Amino acid sequence: MLGYTLVGFIGQLLQLYTYVIIAAALISWVRPDPRNPIVRFLHMATEPVLRPLRQLLPPWKTGGLDLSPLIALIAIQFVERVILPLLY
């Protein structure tokens, strides 16, 4: 019973983090004020995941596009659709 609850909670956290990554990617398109608390929160919440992905695939190798949010979202979807159902 606790295992199902824990797996469901992890799934909800991953879904919430998906929204945070999407918000951070969208806000990066509009030259945000770095002192804004929302921008700072999004940066602090996503950089620990996106920074290593940027080092693996830097934007100068991808034609100037930062694909790290897309890669992170694909990884989250893989965990949600493949790994978590195996734990049920």
PDB file of N, CA and C in Angstrom:
ATOM      1  N   MET A   1       0.825  -1.193   0.000  1.00  0.00           N
ATOM      2  CA  MET A   1       0.000   0.000   0.000  1.00  0.00           C
ATOM      3  C   MET A   1       0.870   1.258   0.000  1.00  0.00           C
ATOM      4  N   LEU A   2       1.903   1.268   0.844  1.00  0.00           N
ATOM      5  CA  LEU A   2       2.789   2.422   0.896  1.00  0.00           C
ATOM      6  C   LEU A   2       3.545   2.581  -0.416  1.00  0.00           C
ATOM      7  N   GLY A   3       3.897   1.465  -1.058  1.00  0.00           N
ATOM      8  CA  GLY A   3       4.604   1.508  -2.329  1.00  0.00           C
ATOM      9  C   GLY A   3       3.786   2.196  -3.401  1.00  0.00           C
ATOM     10  N   TYR A   4       2.484   1.895  -3.472  1.00  0.00           N
ATOM     11  CA  TYR A   4       1.618   2.538  -4.461  1.00  0.00           C
ATOM     12  C   TYR A   4       1.514   4.036  -4.204  1.00  0.00           C
ATOM     13  N   THR A   5       1.405   4.398  -2.955  1.00  0.00           N
ATOM     14  CA  THR A   5       1.312   5.809  -2.595  1.00  0.00           C
ATOM     15  C   THR A   5       2.601   6.536  -2.946  1.00  0.00           C
ATOM     16  N   LEU A   6       3.734   5.920  -2.660  1.00  0.00           N
ATOM     17  CA  LEU A   6       5.023   6.529  -2.962  1.00  0.00           C
ATOM     18  C   LEU A   6       5.229   6.673  -4.471  1.00  0.00           C
ATOM     19  N   VAL A   7       4.877   5.663  -5.233  1.00  0.00           N
ATOM     20  CA  VAL A   7       5.016   5.736  -6.690  1.00  0.00           C
ATOM     21  C   VAL A   7       4.080   6.806  -7.252  1.00  0.00           C
ATOM     22  N   GLY A   8       2.872   6.898  -6.733  1.00  0.00           N
ATOM     23  CA  GLY A   8       1.945   7.938  -7.171  1.00  0.00           C
ATOM     24  C   GLY A   8       2.455   9.329  -6.836  1.00  0.00           C
ATOM     25  N   PHE A   9       3.050   9.463  -5.662  1.00  0.00           N
ATOM     26  CA  PHE A   9       3.617  10.753  -5.253  1.00  0.00           C
ATOM     27  C   PHE A   9       4.789  11.136  -6.156  1.00  0.00           C
ATOM     28  N   ILE A  10       5.637  10.190  -6.466  1.00  0.00           N
ATOM     29  CA  ILE A  10       6.763  10.460  -7.374  1.00  0.00           C
ATOM     30  C   ILE A  10       6.236  10.866  -8.746  1.00  0.00           C
ATOM     31  N   GLY A  11       5.192  10.201  -9.209  1.00  0.00           N
ATOM     32  CA  GLY A  11       4.591  10.568 -10.486  1.00  0.00           C
ATOM     33  C   GLY A  11       4.057  11.992 -10.474  1.00  0.00           C
ATOM     34  N   GLN A  12       3.430  12.391  -9.387  1.00  0.00           N
ATOM     35  CA  GLN A  12       2.915  13.758  -9.279  1.00  0.00           C
ATOM     36  C   GLN A  12       4.043  14.779  -9.222  1.00  0.00           C
ATOM     37  N   LEU A  13       5.121  14.450  -8.525  1.00  0.00           N
ATOM     38  CA  LEU A  13       6.273  15.350  -8.480  1.00  0.00           C
ATOM     39  C   LEU A  13       6.898  15.518  -9.864  1.00  0.00           C
ATOM     40  N   LEU A  14       6.999  14.432 -10.598  1.00  0.00           N
ATOM     41  CA  LEU A  14       7.547  14.515 -11.949  1.00  0.00           C
ATOM     42  C   LEU A  14       6.647  15.352 -12.851  1.00  0.00           C
ATOM     43  N   GLN A  15       5.345  15.227 -12.690  1.00  0.00           N
ATOM     44  CA  GLN A  15       4.413  16.031 -13.481  1.00  0.00           C
ATOM     45  C   GLN A  15       4.566  17.517 -13.136  1.00  0.00           C
ATOM     46  N   LEU A  16       4.690  17.822 -11.863  1.00  0.00           N
ATOM     47  CA  LEU A  16       4.889  19.207 -11.442  1.00  0.00           C
ATOM     48  C   LEU A  16       6.213  19.753 -11.987  1.00  0.00           C
ATOM     49  N   TYR A  17       7.262  18.949 -11.945  1.00  0.00           N
ATOM     50  CA  TYR A  17       8.562  19.383 -12.458  1.00  0.00           C
ATOM     51  C   TYR A  17       8.512  19.589 -13.975  1.00  0.00           C
ATOM     52  N   THR A  18       7.682  18.822 -14.663  1.00  0.00           N
ATOM     53  CA  THR A  18       7.473  19.032 -16.094  1.00  0.00           C
ATOM     54  C   THR A  18       6.940  20.429 -16.338  1.00  0.00           C
ATOM     55  N   TYR A  19       5.965  20.847 -15.553  1.00  0.00           N
ATOM     56  CA  TYR A  19       5.404  22.192 -15.703  1.00  0.00           C
ATOM     57  C   TYR A  19       6.439  23.271 -15.381  1.00  0.00           C
ATOM     58  N   VAL A  20       7.287  23.017 -14.403  1.00  0.00           N
ATOM     59  CA  VAL A  20       8.325  23.984 -14.049  1.00  0.00           C
ATOM     60  C   VAL A  20       9.325  24.129 -15.198  1.00  0.00           C
ATOM     61  N   ILE A  21       9.716  23.026 -15.815  1.00  0.00           N
ATOM     62  CA  ILE A  21      10.644  23.080 -16.947  1.00  0.00           C
ATOM     63  C   ILE A  21      10.008  23.822 -18.118  1.00  0.00           C
ATOM     64  N   ILE A  22       8.747  23.550 -18.384  1.00  0.00           N
ATOM     65  CA  ILE A  22       8.064  24.232 -19.487  1.00  0.00           C
ATOM     66  C   ILE A  22       7.983  25.730 -19.210  1.00  0.00           C
ATOM     67  N   ALA A  23       7.650  26.100 -17.974  1.00  0.00           N
ATOM     68  CA  ALA A  23       7.572  27.523 -17.619  1.00  0.00           C
ATOM     69  C   ALA A  23       8.934  28.191 -17.760  1.00  0.00           C
ATOM     70  N   ALA A  24       9.982  27.522 -17.332  1.00  0.00           N
ATOM     71  CA  ALA A  24      11.324  28.100 -17.443  1.00  0.00           C
ATOM     72  C   ALA A  24      11.730  28.271 -18.903  1.00  0.00           C
ATOM     73  N   ALA A  25      11.389  27.300 -19.738  1.00  0.00           N
ATOM     74  CA  ALA A  25      11.721  27.409 -21.159  1.00  0.00           C
ATOM     75  C   ALA A  25      10.944  28.544 -21.814  1.00  0.00           C
ATOM     76  N   LEU A  26       9.674  28.667 -21.484  1.00  0.00           N
ATOM     77  CA  LEU A  26       8.857  29.730 -22.082  1.00  0.00           C
ATOM     78  C   LEU A  26       9.321  31.111 -21.630  1.00  0.00           C
ATOM     79  N   ILE A  27       9.639  31.246 -20.362  1.00  0.00           N
ATOM     80  CA  ILE A  27      10.034  32.560 -19.854  1.00  0.00           C
ATOM     81  C   ILE A  27      11.412  32.961 -20.383  1.00  0.00           C
ATOM     82  N   SER A  28      12.224  31.997 -20.768  1.00  0.00           N
ATOM     83  CA  SER A  28      13.545  32.329 -21.304  1.00  0.00           C
ATOM     84  C   SER A  28      13.453  32.980 -22.683  1.00  0.00           C
ATOM     85  N   TRP A  29      12.326  32.887 -23.330  1.00  0.00           N
ATOM     86  CA  TRP A  29      12.153  33.474 -24.666  1.00  0.00           C
ATOM     87  C   TRP A  29      11.956  34.981 -24.615  1.00  0.00           C
ATOM     88  N   VAL A  30      11.620  35.556 -23.443  1.00  0.00           N
ATOM     89  CA  VAL A  30      11.193  36.952 -23.385  1.00  0.00           C
ATOM     90  C   VAL A  30      12.109  37.851 -22.564  1.00  0.00           C
ATOM     91  N   ARG A  31      13.343  37.556 -22.434  1.00  0.00           N
ATOM     92  CA  ARG A  31      14.287  38.446 -21.739  1.00  0.00           C
ATOM     93  C   ARG A  31      13.804  38.808 -20.331  1.00  0.00           C
ATOM     94  N   PRO A  32      13.695  37.820 -19.444  1.00  0.00           N
ATOM     95  CA  PRO A  32      13.148  38.090 -18.105  1.00  0.00           C
ATOM     96  C   PRO A  32      14.125  38.878 -17.233  1.00  0.00           C
ATOM     97  N   ASP A  33      13.568  39.565 -16.262  1.00  0.00           N
ATOM     98  CA  ASP A  33      14.373  40.290 -15.278  1.00  0.00           C
ATOM     99  C   ASP A  33      14.968  39.261 -14.309  1.00  0.00           C
ATOM    100  N   PRO A  34      16.287  39.138 -14.222  1.00  0.00           N
ATOM    101  CA  PRO A  34      16.889  38.112 -13.359  1.00  0.00           C
ATOM    102  C   PRO A  34      16.639  38.320 -11.867  1.00  0.00           C
ATOM    103  N   ARG A  35      16.177  39.502 -11.482  1.00  0.00           N
ATOM    104  CA  ARG A  35      15.882  39.753 -10.059  1.00  0.00           C
ATOM    105  C   ARG A  35      14.451  39.378  -9.689  1.00  0.00           C
ATOM    106  N   ASN A  36      13.623  39.058 -10.666  1.00  0.00           N
ATOM    107  CA  ASN A  36      12.242  38.676 -10.404  1.00  0.00           C
ATOM    108  C   ASN A  36      12.228  37.364  -9.617  1.00  0.00           C
ATOM    109  N   PRO A  37      11.453  37.285  -8.525  1.00  0.00           N
ATOM    110  CA  PRO A  37      11.448  36.068  -7.705  1.00  0.00           C
ATOM    111  C   PRO A  37      10.993  34.818  -8.465  1.00  0.00           C
ATOM    112  N   ILE A  38      10.058  34.971  -9.380  1.00  0.00           N
ATOM    113  CA  ILE A  38       9.588  33.809 -10.138  1.00  0.00           C
ATOM    114  C   ILE A  38      10.693  33.307 -11.059  1.00  0.00           C
ATOM    115  N   VAL A  39      11.375  34.231 -11.718  1.00  0.00           N
ATOM    116  CA  VAL A  39      12.469  33.856 -12.608  1.00  0.00           C
ATOM    117  C   VAL A  39      13.590  33.196 -11.813  1.00  0.00           C
ATOM    118  N   ARG A  40      13.892  33.739 -10.654  1.00  0.00           N
ATOM    119  CA  ARG A  40      14.933  33.150  -9.808  1.00  0.00           C
ATOM    120  C   ARG A  40      14.548  31.753  -9.355  1.00  0.00           C
ATOM    121  N   PHE A  41      13.276  31.561  -8.972  1.00  0.00           N
ATOM    122  CA  PHE A  41      12.826  30.230  -8.558  1.00  0.00           C
ATOM    123  C   PHE A  41      12.931  29.241  -9.711  1.00  0.00           C
ATOM    124  N   LEU A  42      12.463  29.633 -10.891  1.00  0.00           N
ATOM    125  CA  LEU A  42      12.528  28.732 -12.041  1.00  0.00           C
ATOM    126  C   LEU A  42      13.970  28.370 -12.377  1.00  0.00           C
ATOM    127  N   HIS A  43      14.854  29.338 -12.293  1.00  0.00           N
ATOM    128  CA  HIS A  43      16.264  29.086 -12.573  1.00  0.00           C
ATOM    129  C   HIS A  43      16.860  28.129 -11.536  1.00  0.00           C
ATOM    130  N   MET A  44      16.583  28.388 -10.257  1.00  0.00           N
ATOM    131  CA  MET A  44      17.116  27.530  -9.198  1.00  0.00           C
ATOM    132  C   MET A  44      16.548  26.119  -9.269  1.00  0.00           C
ATOM    133  N   ALA A  45      15.293  25.987  -9.695  1.00  0.00           N
ATOM    134  CA  ALA A  45      14.650  24.670  -9.732  1.00  0.00           C
ATOM    135  C   ALA A  45      15.081  23.840 -10.937  1.00  0.00           C
ATOM    136  N   THR A  46      15.417  24.498 -12.049  1.00  0.00           N
ATOM    137  CA  THR A  46      15.708  23.735 -13.261  1.00  0.00           C
ATOM    138  C   THR A  46      17.195  23.587 -13.567  1.00  0.00           C
ATOM    139  N   GLU A  47      18.018  24.490 -13.112  1.00  0.00           N
ATOM    140  CA  GLU A  47      19.442  24.436 -13.460  1.00  0.00           C
ATOM    141  C   GLU A  47      20.159  23.167 -13.012  1.00  0.00           C
ATOM    142  N   PRO A  48      19.863  22.595 -11.845  1.00  0.00           N
ATOM    143  CA  PRO A  48      20.565  21.355 -11.478  1.00  0.00           C
ATOM    144  C   PRO A  48      20.328  20.204 -12.476  1.00  0.00           C
ATOM    145  N   VAL A  49      19.219  20.218 -13.168  1.00  0.00           N
ATOM    146  CA  VAL A  49      18.934  19.178 -14.160  1.00  0.00           C
ATOM    147  C   VAL A  49      19.399  19.603 -15.545  1.00  0.00           C
ATOM    148  N   LEU A  50      19.164  20.862 -15.907  1.00  0.00           N
ATOM    149  CA  LEU A  50      19.456  21.306 -17.263  1.00  0.00           C
ATOM    150  C   LEU A  50      20.940  21.568 -17.501  1.00  0.00           C
ATOM    151  N   ARG A  51      21.678  21.991 -16.501  1.00  0.00           N
ATOM    152  CA  ARG A  51      23.096  22.302 -16.688  1.00  0.00           C
ATOM    153  C   ARG A  51      23.894  21.093 -17.173  1.00  0.00           C
ATOM    154  N   PRO A  52      23.764  19.909 -16.562  1.00  0.00           N
ATOM    155  CA  PRO A  52      24.520  18.756 -17.084  1.00  0.00           C
ATOM    156  C   PRO A  52      24.109  18.385 -18.510  1.00  0.00           C
ATOM    157  N   LEU A  53      22.834  18.570 -18.833  1.00  0.00           N
ATOM    158  CA  LEU A  53      22.389  18.277 -20.197  1.00  0.00           C
ATOM    159  C   LEU A  53      22.987  19.268 -21.189  1.00  0.00           C
ATOM    160  N   ARG A  54      23.125  20.516 -20.777  1.00  0.00           N
ATOM    161  CA  ARG A  54      23.759  21.518 -21.640  1.00  0.00           C
ATOM    162  C   ARG A  54      25.231  21.214 -21.852  1.00  0.00           C
ATOM    163  N   GLN A  55      25.877  20.620 -20.867  1.00  0.00           N
ATOM    164  CA  GLN A  55      27.280  20.255 -21.027  1.00  0.00           C
ATOM    165  C   GLN A  55      27.437  19.079 -21.988  1.00  0.00           C
ATOM    166  N   LEU A  56      26.468  18.167 -21.978  1.00  0.00           N
ATOM    167  CA  LEU A  56      26.519  17.043 -22.914  1.00  0.00           C
ATOM    168  C   LEU A  56      26.233  17.470 -24.340  1.00  0.00           C
ATOM    169  N   LEU A  57      25.316  18.413 -24.495  1.00  0.00           N
ATOM    170  CA  LEU A  57      24.896  18.862 -25.821  1.00  0.00           C
ATOM    171  C   LEU A  57      24.819  20.382 -25.817  1.00  0.00           C
ATOM    172  N   PRO A  58      25.973  21.055 -25.917  1.00  0.00           N
ATOM    173  CA  PRO A  58      25.971  22.525 -25.846  1.00  0.00           C
ATOM    174  C   PRO A  58      25.250  23.149 -27.029  1.00  0.00           C
ATOM    175  N   PRO A  59      24.636  24.320 -26.817  1.00  0.00           N
ATOM    176  CA  PRO A  59      23.877  24.984 -27.885  1.00  0.00           C
ATOM    177  C   PRO A  59      24.693  25.276 -29.139  1.00  0.00           C
ATOM    178  N   TRP A  60      25.999  25.491 -29.010  1.00  0.00           N
ATOM    179  CA  TRP A  60      26.785  25.782 -30.208  1.00  0.00           C
ATOM    180  C   TRP A  60      26.939  24.560 -31.101  1.00  0.00           C
ATOM    181  N   LYS A  61      26.656  23.358 -30.575  1.00  0.00           N
ATOM    182  CA  LYS A  61      26.683  22.150 -31.398  1.00  0.00           C
ATOM    183  C   LYS A  61      25.324  21.862 -32.030  1.00  0.00           C
ATOM    184  N   THR A  62      24.299  22.532 -31.562  1.00  0.00           N
ATOM    185  CA  THR A  62      22.937  22.274 -32.059  1.00  0.00           C
ATOM    186  C   THR A  62      22.381  23.471 -32.809  1.00  0.00           C
ATOM    187  N   GLY A  63      23.227  24.235 -33.416  1.00  0.00           N
ATOM    188  CA  GLY A  63      22.762  25.371 -34.201  1.00  0.00           C
ATOM    189  C   GLY A  63      22.233  26.515 -33.359  1.00  0.00           C
ATOM    190  N   GLY A  64      22.719  26.652 -32.134  1.00  0.00           N
ATOM    191  CA  GLY A  64      22.284  27.741 -31.266  1.00  0.00           C
ATOM    192  C   GLY A  64      21.019  27.434 -30.471  1.00  0.00           C
ATOM    193  N   LEU A  65      20.465  26.260 -30.634  1.00  0.00           N
ATOM    194  CA  LEU A  65      19.261  25.890 -29.888  1.00  0.00           C
ATOM    195  C   LEU A  65      19.635  25.169 -28.600  1.00  0.00           C
ATOM    196  N   ASP A  66      18.988  25.545 -27.520  1.00  0.00           N
ATOM    197  CA  ASP A  66      19.180  24.866 -26.245  1.00  0.00           C
ATOM    198  C   ASP A  66      18.144  23.752 -26.161  1.00  0.00           C
ATOM    199  N   LEU A  67      18.585  22.536 -26.394  1.00  0.00           N
ATOM    200  CA  LEU A  67      17.670  21.397 -26.396  1.00  0.00           C
ATOM    201  C   LEU A  67      17.574  20.712 -25.032  1.00  0.00           C
ATOM    202  N   SER A  68      18.234  21.253 -24.028  1.00  0.00           N
ATOM    203  CA  SER A  68      18.229  20.605 -22.719  1.00  0.00           C
ATOM    204  C   SER A  68      16.828  20.477 -22.101  1.00  0.00           C
ATOM    205  N   PRO A  69      15.929  21.486 -22.216  1.00  0.00           N
ATOM    206  CA  PRO A  69      14.584  21.268 -21.668  1.00  0.00           C
ATOM    207  C   PRO A  69      13.844  20.125 -22.382  1.00  0.00           C
ATOM    208  N   LEU A  70      14.019  20.029 -23.684  1.00  0.00           N
ATOM    209  CA  LEU A  70      13.361  18.963 -24.436  1.00  0.00           C
ATOM    210  C   LEU A  70      13.884  17.593 -24.006  1.00  0.00           C
ATOM    211  N   ILE A  71      15.183  17.484 -23.834  1.00  0.00           N
ATOM    212  CA  ILE A  71      15.773  16.215 -23.402  1.00  0.00           C
ATOM    213  C   ILE A  71      15.299  15.865 -21.994  1.00  0.00           C
ATOM    214  N   ALA A  72      15.228  16.852 -21.118  1.00  0.00           N
ATOM    215  CA  ALA A  72      14.754  16.603 -19.755  1.00  0.00           C
ATOM    216  C   ALA A  72      13.291  16.158 -19.756  1.00  0.00           C
ATOM    217  N   LEU A  73      12.471  16.776 -20.593  1.00  0.00           N
ATOM    218  CA  LEU A  73      11.059  16.386 -20.664  1.00  0.00           C
ATOM    219  C   LEU A  73      10.907  14.973 -21.217  1.00  0.00           C
ATOM    220  N   ILE A  74      11.712  14.615 -22.192  1.00  0.00           N
ATOM    221  CA  ILE A  74      11.666  13.248 -22.735  1.00  0.00           C
ATOM    222  C   ILE A  74      12.087  12.244 -21.659  1.00  0.00           C
ATOM    223  N   ALA A  75      13.106  12.576 -20.891  1.00  0.00           N
ATOM    224  CA  ALA A  75      13.546  11.687 -19.815  1.00  0.00           C
ATOM    225  C   ALA A  75      12.466  11.529 -18.743  1.00  0.00           C
ATOM    226  N   ILE A  76      11.796  12.625 -18.396  1.00  0.00           N
ATOM    227  CA  ILE A  76      10.716  12.554 -17.408  1.00  0.00           C
ATOM    228  C   ILE A  76       9.575  11.695 -17.934  1.00  0.00           C
ATOM    229  N   GLN A  77       9.227  11.874 -19.202  1.00  0.00           N
ATOM    230  CA  GLN A  77       8.163  11.058 -19.793  1.00  0.00           C
ATOM    231  C   GLN A  77       8.545   9.579 -19.789  1.00  0.00           C
ATOM    232  N   PHE A  78       9.811   9.269 -20.053  1.00  0.00           N
ATOM    233  CA  PHE A  78      10.273   7.883 -20.017  1.00  0.00           C
ATOM    234  C   PHE A  78      10.099   7.299 -18.621  1.00  0.00           C
ATOM    235  N   VAL A  79      10.494   8.067 -17.612  1.00  0.00           N
ATOM    236  CA  VAL A  79      10.353   7.581 -16.234  1.00  0.00           C
ATOM    237  C   VAL A  79       8.880   7.389 -15.889  1.00  0.00           C
ATOM    238  N   GLU A  80       8.033   8.349 -16.281  1.00  0.00           N
ATOM    239  CA  GLU A  80       6.602   8.256 -15.954  1.00  0.00           C
ATOM    240  C   GLU A  80       5.917   7.096 -16.674  1.00  0.00           C
ATOM    241  N   ARG A  81       6.286   6.844 -17.920  1.00  0.00           N
ATOM    242  CA  ARG A  81       5.560   5.852 -18.714  1.00  0.00           C
ATOM    243  C   ARG A  81       6.171   4.465 -18.700  1.00  0.00           C
ATOM    244  N   VAL A  82       7.470   4.360 -18.373  1.00  0.00           N
ATOM    245  CA  VAL A  82       8.125   3.055 -18.425  1.00  0.00           C
ATOM    246  C   VAL A  82       8.544   2.592 -17.024  1.00  0.00           C
ATOM    247  N   ILE A  83       9.253   3.436 -16.307  1.00  0.00           N
ATOM    248  CA  ILE A  83       9.818   3.026 -15.025  1.00  0.00           C
ATOM    249  C   ILE A  83       8.765   2.929 -13.929  1.00  0.00           C
ATOM    250  N   LEU A  84       7.950   3.984 -13.766  1.00  0.00           N
ATOM    251  CA  LEU A  84       6.970   3.967 -12.676  1.00  0.00           C
ATOM    252  C   LEU A  84       5.933   2.851 -12.802  1.00  0.00           C
ATOM    253  N   PRO A  85       5.412   2.546 -14.009  1.00  0.00           N
ATOM    254  CA  PRO A  85       4.474   1.416 -14.074  1.00  0.00           C
ATOM    255  C   PRO A  85       5.119   0.074 -13.676  1.00  0.00           C
ATOM    256  N   LEU A  86       6.416  -0.064 -13.869  1.00  0.00           N
ATOM    257  CA  LEU A  86       7.092  -1.291 -13.443  1.00  0.00           C
ATOM    258  C   LEU A  86       7.135  -1.413 -11.931  1.00  0.00           C
ATOM    259  N   LEU A  87       7.057  -0.295 -11.237  1.00  0.00           N
ATOM    260  CA  LEU A  87       7.131  -0.316  -9.776  1.00  0.00           C
ATOM    261  C   LEU A  87       5.784  -0.614  -9.117  1.00  0.00           C
ATOM    262  N   TYR A  88       4.689  -0.548  -9.886  1.00  0.00           N
ATOM    263  CA  TYR A  88       3.380  -0.841  -9.306  1.00  0.00           C
ATOM    264  C   TYR A  88       3.220  -2.276  -8.986  1.00  0.00           C
TER     265      TYR A  88
END
